[in-house]
Structure formats: structure tokens, C-alpha cells
Amino acid sequence: MNQENLSSKTSSAVPPVVPRSNFLGVSVEELAGLSVQEIVGNETAVKMVMHYYRQLSEENAALKNDLNTATTYVSGYELKRVDVSVGAGLQFVASLFLAFAVNILTGDGKPSPGYLLLVAGLVCQAIGLFFSLRRETK
């Protein structure tokens, strides 16, 4: 009895399959407000449908251009984001090198490791600035 109750509930909950009369915002039953019977053999109706088709084609071309523009912006943003991240990482490493270089150079020990770290820090700083500030070239 419980099984019968369950099967009757599930069969009534499934909606019947209804054919769609609208595909991507365009009616499939009529075109430009005209049914098939009105279009067949009517020159004015055919011209109206062709005009409607041209409008849809122009809208499609405009949307493709907008998508292409947006895709270009996104790829440029991704490239710049990577460049800035690399630049920031290099500048962080440069700060560490320079800090240790100053510490070693102002201490009582041998200055040669300090000079080596100073040069490495300045090189990292220059490369980091290059990545952070460079412009994309086409």
C-alpha cells in the first residue's frame, strides 16, 4: 500500500513534455510575427521575414564583436595580473637581499658577502620593477 502511494505521487509530479515554441528568444512557430501560411506565396511577407532575418544577423554580429572585445580585455587583465604578481614577488626577495646586505655591510665581518647580496638585491629590484611596470606590446 505504501508502494502504491509512492508510485502515484511520483507519476503525478512529472510534468508532461511540451514542445518549445521559443528557441533562443525567437519563436519557432512564427517569424517576424507571421505564420507559415501567411508567408507562403506572399511577396510582402517574404520581404518582411528577410528584413527580420537581417536585423537578427546584425544583432548577432554586434554581440560577436562585444564578446571579442570582452575576451581581449580578459586576456590582457590575466597577463597584467601575472606580471604584477611576479614583480611583487621579486621586489619582496629584493627587500630581503638588501636588508641582509645592509646588515652584513654595517657589521664587523667580511664585507664581500654583503656586496654580493647588495648586487643581487638591486638586480631583483630592477627586474621586479620591469615586470610591474611593463606595457603589453602587440
N, C-alpha and C. Protein backbone atom coordinates (compact mmCIF):
# COMPACT_ATOMS: atom_id res chain seq x y z
N MET A 1 0.82 -1.19 0.00
CA MET A 1 0.00 0.00 0.00
C MET A 1 0.87 1.26 0.00
N ASN A 2 1.91 1.23 0.76
CA ASN A 2 2.83 2.36 0.79
C ASN A 2 3.53 2.52 -0.56
N GLN A 3 3.85 1.40 -1.22
CA GLN A 3 4.48 1.42 -2.54
C GLN A 3 3.55 2.04 -3.57
N GLU A 4 2.26 1.72 -3.53
CA GLU A 4 1.27 2.29 -4.45
C GLU A 4 1.16 3.80 -4.26
N ASN A 5 1.17 4.24 -3.01
CA ASN A 5 1.11 5.66 -2.69
C ASN A 5 2.30 6.40 -3.28
N LEU A 6 3.48 5.78 -3.16
CA LEU A 6 4.70 6.40 -3.65
C LEU A 6 4.69 6.50 -5.17
N SER A 7 4.27 5.45 -5.86
CA SER A 7 4.27 5.48 -7.32
C SER A 7 3.24 6.46 -7.87
N SER A 8 2.12 6.63 -7.19
CA SER A 8 1.11 7.59 -7.67
C SER A 8 1.60 9.03 -7.48
N LYS A 9 2.39 9.27 -6.43
CA LYS A 9 2.91 10.61 -6.19
C LYS A 9 3.98 10.98 -7.22
N THR A 10 4.85 10.02 -7.54
CA THR A 10 5.92 10.34 -8.48
C THR A 10 5.41 10.49 -9.89
N SER A 11 4.40 9.74 -10.29
CA SER A 11 3.89 9.87 -11.65
C SER A 11 3.14 11.17 -11.85
N SER A 12 2.51 11.69 -10.82
CA SER A 12 1.79 12.95 -10.97
C SER A 12 2.72 14.16 -10.87
N ALA A 13 3.93 13.96 -10.30
CA ALA A 13 4.85 15.06 -10.13
C ALA A 13 5.64 15.36 -11.41
N VAL A 14 5.71 14.42 -12.35
CA VAL A 14 6.49 14.62 -13.57
C VAL A 14 5.63 15.40 -14.56
N PRO A 15 6.09 16.58 -14.97
CA PRO A 15 5.31 17.37 -15.92
C PRO A 15 5.38 16.75 -17.32
N PRO A 16 4.33 16.90 -18.10
CA PRO A 16 4.36 16.36 -19.46
C PRO A 16 5.33 17.16 -20.32
N VAL A 17 5.90 16.51 -21.32
CA VAL A 17 6.84 17.16 -22.22
C VAL A 17 6.05 18.01 -23.20
N VAL A 18 6.33 19.31 -23.20
CA VAL A 18 5.63 20.25 -24.07
C VAL A 18 6.65 20.77 -25.08
N PRO A 19 6.34 20.72 -26.38
CA PRO A 19 7.29 21.26 -27.35
C PRO A 19 7.49 22.75 -27.15
N ARG A 20 8.72 23.18 -27.32
CA ARG A 20 9.03 24.59 -27.11
C ARG A 20 8.61 25.40 -28.33
N SER A 21 8.02 26.55 -28.07
CA SER A 21 7.66 27.45 -29.16
C SER A 21 8.61 28.63 -29.24
N ASN A 22 9.66 28.58 -28.42
CA ASN A 22 10.60 29.68 -28.36
C ASN A 22 12.01 29.10 -28.24
N PHE A 23 12.89 29.43 -29.17
CA PHE A 23 14.26 28.95 -29.15
C PHE A 23 15.20 30.13 -29.21
N LEU A 24 15.96 30.37 -28.14
CA LEU A 24 16.90 31.49 -28.04
C LEU A 24 16.22 32.83 -28.28
N GLY A 25 15.01 32.97 -27.79
CA GLY A 25 14.30 34.24 -27.91
C GLY A 25 13.59 34.43 -29.23
N VAL A 26 13.65 33.45 -30.12
CA VAL A 26 12.99 33.55 -31.42
C VAL A 26 11.91 32.50 -31.48
N SER A 27 10.72 32.90 -31.85
CA SER A 27 9.59 31.98 -31.95
C SER A 27 9.82 31.01 -33.10
N VAL A 28 9.54 29.71 -32.86
CA VAL A 28 9.69 28.73 -33.93
C VAL A 28 8.38 28.50 -34.67
N GLU A 29 7.30 29.03 -34.16
CA GLU A 29 6.00 28.86 -34.82
C GLU A 29 5.71 29.98 -35.80
N GLU A 30 6.29 31.13 -35.56
CA GLU A 30 6.10 32.24 -36.48
C GLU A 30 7.39 33.05 -36.54
N LEU A 31 7.59 33.73 -37.65
CA LEU A 31 8.80 34.51 -37.85
C LEU A 31 8.40 35.92 -38.21
N ALA A 32 8.92 36.87 -37.50
CA ALA A 32 8.59 38.29 -37.69
C ALA A 32 7.11 38.53 -37.51
N GLY A 33 6.48 37.76 -36.64
CA GLY A 33 5.05 37.95 -36.38
C GLY A 33 4.16 37.33 -37.44
N LEU A 34 4.72 36.53 -38.34
CA LEU A 34 3.94 35.93 -39.43
C LEU A 34 4.01 34.42 -39.31
N SER A 35 2.88 33.77 -39.54
CA SER A 35 2.86 32.31 -39.55
C SER A 35 3.27 31.81 -40.93
N VAL A 36 3.51 30.52 -41.04
CA VAL A 36 3.93 29.93 -42.30
C VAL A 36 2.87 30.15 -43.38
N GLN A 37 1.61 30.01 -43.03
CA GLN A 37 0.54 30.19 -44.02
C GLN A 37 0.53 31.60 -44.58
N GLU A 38 0.86 32.58 -43.76
CA GLU A 38 0.87 33.97 -44.22
C GLU A 38 2.09 34.26 -45.10
N ILE A 39 3.18 33.53 -44.89
CA ILE A 39 4.41 33.79 -45.63
C ILE A 39 4.37 33.17 -47.03
N VAL A 40 3.83 31.96 -47.14
CA VAL A 40 3.86 31.23 -48.40
C VAL A 40 3.10 32.00 -49.48
N GLY A 41 3.80 32.31 -50.57
CA GLY A 41 3.20 32.98 -51.72
C GLY A 41 2.94 34.46 -51.54
N ASN A 42 3.36 35.07 -50.45
CA ASN A 42 3.11 36.48 -50.19
C ASN A 42 4.46 37.21 -50.25
N GLU A 43 4.66 37.99 -51.31
CA GLU A 43 5.94 38.66 -51.53
C GLU A 43 6.27 39.65 -50.41
N THR A 44 5.28 40.39 -49.96
CA THR A 44 5.49 41.36 -48.89
C THR A 44 5.89 40.67 -47.60
N ALA A 45 5.26 39.54 -47.31
CA ALA A 45 5.59 38.80 -46.10
C ALA A 45 7.00 38.25 -46.17
N VAL A 46 7.42 37.78 -47.35
CA VAL A 46 8.78 37.26 -47.51
C VAL A 46 9.79 38.38 -47.31
N LYS A 47 9.53 39.56 -47.85
CA LYS A 47 10.42 40.71 -47.65
C LYS A 47 10.51 41.07 -46.17
N MET A 48 9.39 41.00 -45.49
CA MET A 48 9.34 41.31 -44.06
C MET A 48 10.20 40.31 -43.27
N VAL A 49 10.10 39.03 -43.65
CA VAL A 49 10.89 38.00 -42.98
C VAL A 49 12.38 38.21 -43.27
N MET A 50 12.72 38.56 -44.50
CA MET A 50 14.12 38.80 -44.84
C MET A 50 14.67 40.00 -44.07
N HIS A 51 13.86 41.03 -43.91
CA HIS A 51 14.27 42.20 -43.11
C HIS A 51 14.50 41.78 -41.66
N TYR A 52 13.60 40.97 -41.14
CA TYR A 52 13.72 40.48 -39.76
C TYR A 52 14.99 39.64 -39.63
N TYR A 53 15.27 38.80 -40.63
CA TYR A 53 16.49 37.98 -40.62
C TYR A 53 17.74 38.86 -40.64
N ARG A 54 17.73 39.91 -41.43
CA ARG A 54 18.86 40.82 -41.49
C ARG A 54 19.09 41.50 -40.14
N GLN A 55 18.00 41.90 -39.49
CA GLN A 55 18.13 42.51 -38.16
C GLN A 55 18.76 41.52 -37.17
N LEU A 56 18.31 40.28 -37.19
CA LEU A 56 18.88 39.27 -36.30
C LEU A 56 20.35 39.04 -36.61
N SER A 57 20.72 39.03 -37.89
CA SER A 57 22.12 38.84 -38.28
C SER A 57 22.98 40.00 -37.80
N GLU A 58 22.47 41.23 -37.91
CA GLU A 58 23.23 42.40 -37.44
C GLU A 58 23.40 42.37 -35.93
N GLU A 59 22.35 41.98 -35.21
CA GLU A 59 22.45 41.86 -33.76
C GLU A 59 23.47 40.79 -33.38
N ASN A 60 23.47 39.69 -34.10
CA ASN A 60 24.42 38.60 -33.85
C ASN A 60 25.85 39.08 -34.08
N ALA A 61 26.08 39.82 -35.15
CA ALA A 61 27.42 40.35 -35.43
C ALA A 61 27.86 41.32 -34.33
N ALA A 62 26.94 42.16 -33.86
CA ALA A 62 27.28 43.11 -32.79
C ALA A 62 27.63 42.36 -31.51
N LEU A 63 26.87 41.30 -31.20
CA LEU A 63 27.16 40.52 -30.00
C LEU A 63 28.51 39.80 -30.12
N LYS A 64 28.84 39.32 -31.31
CA LYS A 64 30.14 38.68 -31.50
C LYS A 64 31.27 39.69 -31.30
N ASN A 65 31.09 40.92 -31.79
CA ASN A 65 32.11 41.96 -31.59
C ASN A 65 32.27 42.29 -30.11
N ASP A 66 31.15 42.39 -29.40
CA ASP A 66 31.21 42.68 -27.96
C ASP A 66 31.93 41.55 -27.22
N LEU A 67 31.63 40.30 -27.61
CA LEU A 67 32.28 39.16 -26.97
C LEU A 67 33.77 39.16 -27.25
N ASN A 68 34.14 39.47 -28.46
CA ASN A 68 35.56 39.53 -28.82
C ASN A 68 36.28 40.61 -28.02
N THR A 69 35.65 41.76 -27.88
CA THR A 69 36.24 42.86 -27.09
C THR A 69 36.41 42.44 -25.63
N ALA A 70 35.39 41.82 -25.06
CA ALA A 70 35.46 41.39 -23.67
C ALA A 70 36.54 40.32 -23.48
N THR A 71 36.66 39.41 -24.43
CA THR A 71 37.68 38.37 -24.36
C THR A 71 39.09 38.98 -24.40
N THR A 72 39.25 40.01 -25.23
CA THR A 72 40.54 40.69 -25.31
C THR A 72 40.88 41.36 -23.99
N TYR A 73 39.90 42.02 -23.38
CA TYR A 73 40.14 42.67 -22.08
C TYR A 73 40.50 41.65 -21.02
N VAL A 74 39.82 40.52 -21.01
CA VAL A 74 40.09 39.49 -20.00
C VAL A 74 41.49 38.93 -20.17
N SER A 75 41.89 38.65 -21.41
CA SER A 75 43.24 38.10 -21.61
C SER A 75 44.32 39.12 -21.23
N GLY A 76 44.07 40.40 -21.53
CA GLY A 76 45.01 41.44 -21.12
C GLY A 76 45.09 41.57 -19.61
N TYR A 77 43.96 41.46 -18.95
CA TYR A 77 43.94 41.53 -17.49
C TYR A 77 44.70 40.35 -16.89
N GLU A 78 44.51 39.16 -17.45
CA GLU A 78 45.20 37.97 -16.93
C GLU A 78 46.72 38.14 -17.06
N LEU A 79 47.17 38.62 -18.21
CA LEU A 79 48.59 38.82 -18.43
C LEU A 79 49.15 39.85 -17.44
N LYS A 80 48.45 40.96 -17.26
CA LYS A 80 48.92 42.00 -16.36
C LYS A 80 48.94 41.51 -14.91
N ARG A 81 47.94 40.70 -14.55
CA ARG A 81 47.88 40.18 -13.19
C ARG A 81 49.08 39.28 -12.90
N VAL A 82 49.46 38.46 -13.86
CA VAL A 82 50.63 37.59 -13.68
C VAL A 82 51.89 38.43 -13.59
N ASP A 83 52.01 39.43 -14.46
CA ASP A 83 53.20 40.29 -14.44
C ASP A 83 53.34 41.00 -13.10
N VAL A 84 52.26 41.53 -12.59
CA VAL A 84 52.31 42.25 -11.32
C VAL A 84 52.66 41.30 -10.17
N SER A 85 52.13 40.08 -10.21
CA SER A 85 52.45 39.11 -9.16
C SER A 85 53.92 38.74 -9.17
N VAL A 86 54.47 38.53 -10.37
CA VAL A 86 55.90 38.21 -10.47
C VAL A 86 56.73 39.40 -9.98
N GLY A 87 56.34 40.60 -10.38
CA GLY A 87 57.06 41.79 -9.95
C GLY A 87 57.03 41.97 -8.45
N ALA A 88 55.89 41.73 -7.85
CA ALA A 88 55.77 41.88 -6.39
C ALA A 88 56.63 40.84 -5.67
N GLY A 89 56.64 39.61 -6.17
CA GLY A 89 57.48 38.57 -5.56
C GLY A 89 58.96 38.91 -5.66
N LEU A 90 59.37 39.39 -6.82
CA LEU A 90 60.78 39.76 -6.99
C LEU A 90 61.16 40.94 -6.10
N GLN A 91 60.27 41.88 -5.94
CA GLN A 91 60.58 43.03 -5.08
C GLN A 91 60.64 42.62 -3.60
N PHE A 92 59.83 41.63 -3.23
CA PHE A 92 59.91 41.12 -1.86
C PHE A 92 61.26 40.46 -1.62
N VAL A 93 61.70 39.62 -2.58
CA VAL A 93 63.00 38.97 -2.46
C VAL A 93 64.12 40.01 -2.44
N ALA A 94 63.97 41.04 -3.26
CA ALA A 94 64.97 42.10 -3.30
C ALA A 94 65.06 42.81 -1.95
N SER A 95 63.93 43.02 -1.31
CA SER A 95 63.94 43.66 0.01
C SER A 95 64.70 42.81 1.02
N LEU A 96 64.50 41.50 0.96
CA LEU A 96 65.23 40.62 1.88
C LEU A 96 66.73 40.67 1.61
N PHE A 97 67.11 40.57 0.33
CA PHE A 97 68.53 40.64 -0.02
C PHE A 97 69.16 41.95 0.45
N LEU A 98 68.47 43.05 0.20
CA LEU A 98 69.01 44.37 0.59
C LEU A 98 69.11 44.51 2.10
N ALA A 99 68.14 43.98 2.81
CA ALA A 99 68.17 44.06 4.27
C ALA A 99 69.37 43.29 4.83
N PHE A 100 69.57 42.06 4.32
CA PHE A 100 70.72 41.28 4.79
C PHE A 100 72.04 41.93 4.35
N ALA A 101 72.05 42.52 3.15
CA ALA A 101 73.28 43.19 2.68
C ALA A 101 73.65 44.35 3.58
N VAL A 102 72.68 45.17 3.93
CA VAL A 102 72.95 46.31 4.82
C VAL A 102 73.41 45.82 6.19
N ASN A 103 72.78 44.75 6.67
CA ASN A 103 73.16 44.20 7.97
C ASN A 103 74.60 43.69 7.95
N ILE A 104 74.97 43.00 6.88
CA ILE A 104 76.34 42.47 6.80
C ILE A 104 77.36 43.59 6.59
N LEU A 105 77.02 44.56 5.75
CA LEU A 105 77.98 45.65 5.45
C LEU A 105 78.21 46.55 6.66
N THR A 106 77.23 46.71 7.50
CA THR A 106 77.42 47.58 8.68
C THR A 106 77.97 46.82 9.88
N GLY A 107 78.13 45.52 9.73
CA GLY A 107 78.67 44.71 10.83
C GLY A 107 80.19 44.69 10.80
N ASP A 108 80.77 43.87 11.66
CA ASP A 108 82.23 43.80 11.80
C ASP A 108 82.84 42.71 10.93
N GLY A 109 82.04 41.92 10.24
CA GLY A 109 82.55 40.78 9.45
C GLY A 109 83.08 41.21 8.10
N LYS A 110 83.34 40.22 7.23
CA LYS A 110 83.84 40.47 5.88
C LYS A 110 82.75 41.15 5.06
N PRO A 111 83.09 42.17 4.29
CA PRO A 111 82.06 42.88 3.51
C PRO A 111 81.72 42.22 2.18
N SER A 112 82.52 41.26 1.71
CA SER A 112 82.27 40.69 0.37
C SER A 112 80.90 40.00 0.25
N PRO A 113 80.40 39.21 1.24
CA PRO A 113 79.05 38.66 1.09
C PRO A 113 77.98 39.77 1.09
N GLY A 114 78.25 40.85 1.80
CA GLY A 114 77.31 41.97 1.82
C GLY A 114 77.19 42.62 0.46
N TYR A 115 78.34 42.80 -0.21
CA TYR A 115 78.29 43.39 -1.56
C TYR A 115 77.59 42.46 -2.54
N LEU A 116 77.82 41.17 -2.39
CA LEU A 116 77.16 40.20 -3.26
C LEU A 116 75.63 40.25 -3.07
N LEU A 117 75.19 40.31 -1.84
CA LEU A 117 73.75 40.40 -1.57
C LEU A 117 73.19 41.75 -2.03
N LEU A 118 73.98 42.81 -1.91
CA LEU A 118 73.54 44.13 -2.38
C LEU A 118 73.30 44.12 -3.88
N VAL A 119 74.25 43.55 -4.63
CA VAL A 119 74.09 43.47 -6.09
C VAL A 119 72.89 42.59 -6.45
N ALA A 120 72.74 41.46 -5.78
CA ALA A 120 71.60 40.57 -6.05
C ALA A 120 70.27 41.27 -5.74
N GLY A 121 70.23 42.02 -4.65
CA GLY A 121 69.02 42.75 -4.30
C GLY A 121 68.69 43.83 -5.31
N LEU A 122 69.70 44.55 -5.78
CA LEU A 122 69.46 45.59 -6.79
C LEU A 122 69.00 45.00 -8.12
N VAL A 123 69.56 43.86 -8.49
CA VAL A 123 69.14 43.19 -9.73
C VAL A 123 67.69 42.70 -9.60
N CYS A 124 67.36 42.09 -8.48
CA CYS A 124 65.97 41.63 -8.25
C CYS A 124 65.01 42.82 -8.25
N GLN A 125 65.43 43.91 -7.66
CA GLN A 125 64.58 45.11 -7.63
C GLN A 125 64.34 45.63 -9.04
N ALA A 126 65.37 45.67 -9.87
CA ALA A 126 65.23 46.17 -11.24
C ALA A 126 64.33 45.25 -12.07
N ILE A 127 64.53 43.94 -11.93
CA ILE A 127 63.68 43.00 -12.69
C ILE A 127 62.24 43.06 -12.19
N GLY A 128 62.06 43.19 -10.88
CA GLY A 128 60.70 43.31 -10.33
C GLY A 128 59.99 44.55 -10.82
N LEU A 129 60.70 45.67 -10.89
CA LEU A 129 60.11 46.91 -11.42
C LEU A 129 59.78 46.76 -12.91
N PHE A 130 60.64 46.06 -13.64
CA PHE A 130 60.37 45.83 -15.06
C PHE A 130 59.06 45.07 -15.24
N PHE A 131 58.86 43.98 -14.48
CA PHE A 131 57.63 43.20 -14.60
C PHE A 131 56.42 43.99 -14.14
N SER A 132 56.57 44.78 -13.10
CA SER A 132 55.42 45.53 -12.58
C SER A 132 54.98 46.65 -13.50
N LEU A 133 55.93 47.27 -14.19
CA LEU A 133 55.62 48.48 -14.96
C LEU A 133 55.57 48.28 -16.47
N ARG A 134 55.88 47.09 -16.98
CA ARG A 134 55.94 46.94 -18.43
C ARG A 134 54.55 46.96 -19.05
N ARG A 135 54.51 47.44 -20.26
CA ARG A 135 53.28 47.53 -21.03
C ARG A 135 53.23 46.37 -22.01
N GLU A 136 52.02 45.92 -22.30
CA GLU A 136 51.85 44.84 -23.27
C GLU A 136 52.08 45.40 -24.67
N THR A 137 52.92 44.72 -25.43
CA THR A 137 53.16 45.14 -26.81
C THR A 137 52.53 44.13 -27.75
N LYS A 138 52.01 44.66 -28.85
CA LYS A 138 51.34 43.76 -29.81
C LYS A 138 52.21 43.54 -31.01
